[in-house]
Amino acid sequence: MGKSVRTIRGTADSFHRLRVGDLRVMCDVIPEDTVILVLGIVDRRDLERWLRSR
């Protein structure tokens, strides 16, 4: 994954954050099924609140 993609590890799970301008695309990668599951598209200012609600 490129520079704009970061892995976020939480207490229950981990997922990836893709930076697109001021938006963050939160997704989970399921390699066994070759699937990228988009969990949400969040404005960067709301990202911390979104993460706490997960």
Protein backbone atom coordinates (compact mmCIF):
# COMPACT_ATOMS: atom_id res chain seq x y z
CA MET A 1 0.00 0.00 0.00
CA GLY A 2 1.18 3.53 -0.76
CA LYS A 3 2.13 6.46 1.44
CA SER A 4 -1.42 7.76 1.73
CA VAL A 5 -2.66 4.45 3.21
CA ARG A 6 -2.11 3.76 6.90
CA THR A 7 -3.12 0.83 9.06
CA ILE A 8 -5.03 1.72 12.22
CA ARG A 9 -4.98 -0.91 14.94
CA GLY A 10 -7.68 -0.83 17.58
CA THR A 11 -8.50 -2.99 20.54
CA ALA A 12 -10.99 -5.14 18.60
CA ASP A 13 -9.82 -4.92 14.99
CA SER A 14 -7.60 -3.20 12.49
CA PHE A 15 -8.43 -1.38 9.30
CA HIS A 16 -6.87 0.94 6.77
CA ARG A 17 -7.17 4.66 6.23
CA LEU A 18 -6.75 6.09 2.72
CA ARG A 19 -6.18 9.84 2.52
CA VAL A 20 -7.99 11.61 -0.35
CA GLY A 21 -7.71 15.38 0.11
CA ASP A 22 -9.63 16.33 3.25
CA LEU A 23 -11.49 13.02 3.25
CA ARG A 24 -10.44 9.73 4.78
CA VAL A 25 -11.68 6.45 3.32
CA MET A 26 -11.80 3.88 6.09
CA CYS A 27 -11.66 0.31 4.78
CA ASP A 28 -10.93 -3.28 5.68
CA VAL A 29 -9.01 -5.61 3.36
CA ILE A 30 -10.09 -9.25 3.19
CA PRO A 31 -7.32 -10.96 1.19
CA GLU A 32 -8.91 -14.44 1.22
CA ASP A 33 -11.88 -13.12 -0.76
CA THR A 34 -9.94 -10.39 -2.63
CA VAL A 35 -12.31 -7.78 -1.20
CA ILE A 36 -11.90 -4.21 0.02
CA LEU A 37 -14.78 -3.32 2.32
CA VAL A 38 -15.36 0.43 2.67
CA LEU A 39 -16.41 1.14 6.26
CA GLY A 40 -16.89 4.87 5.87
CA ILE A 41 -15.85 8.06 4.13
CA VAL A 42 -15.11 10.67 6.79
CA ASP A 43 -13.98 14.30 6.76
CA ARG A 44 -10.58 14.58 8.43
CA ARG A 45 -12.01 16.87 11.14
CA ASP A 46 -14.51 14.17 12.15
CA LEU A 47 -12.11 11.22 12.01
CA GLU A 48 -11.35 11.04 15.73
CA ARG A 49 -15.05 11.06 16.62
CA TRP A 50 -15.69 8.36 13.98
CA LEU A 51 -12.91 6.19 15.40
CA ARG A 52 -14.27 6.49 18.95
CA SER A 53 -17.74 5.43 17.78
CA ARG A 54 -16.37 2.16 16.30
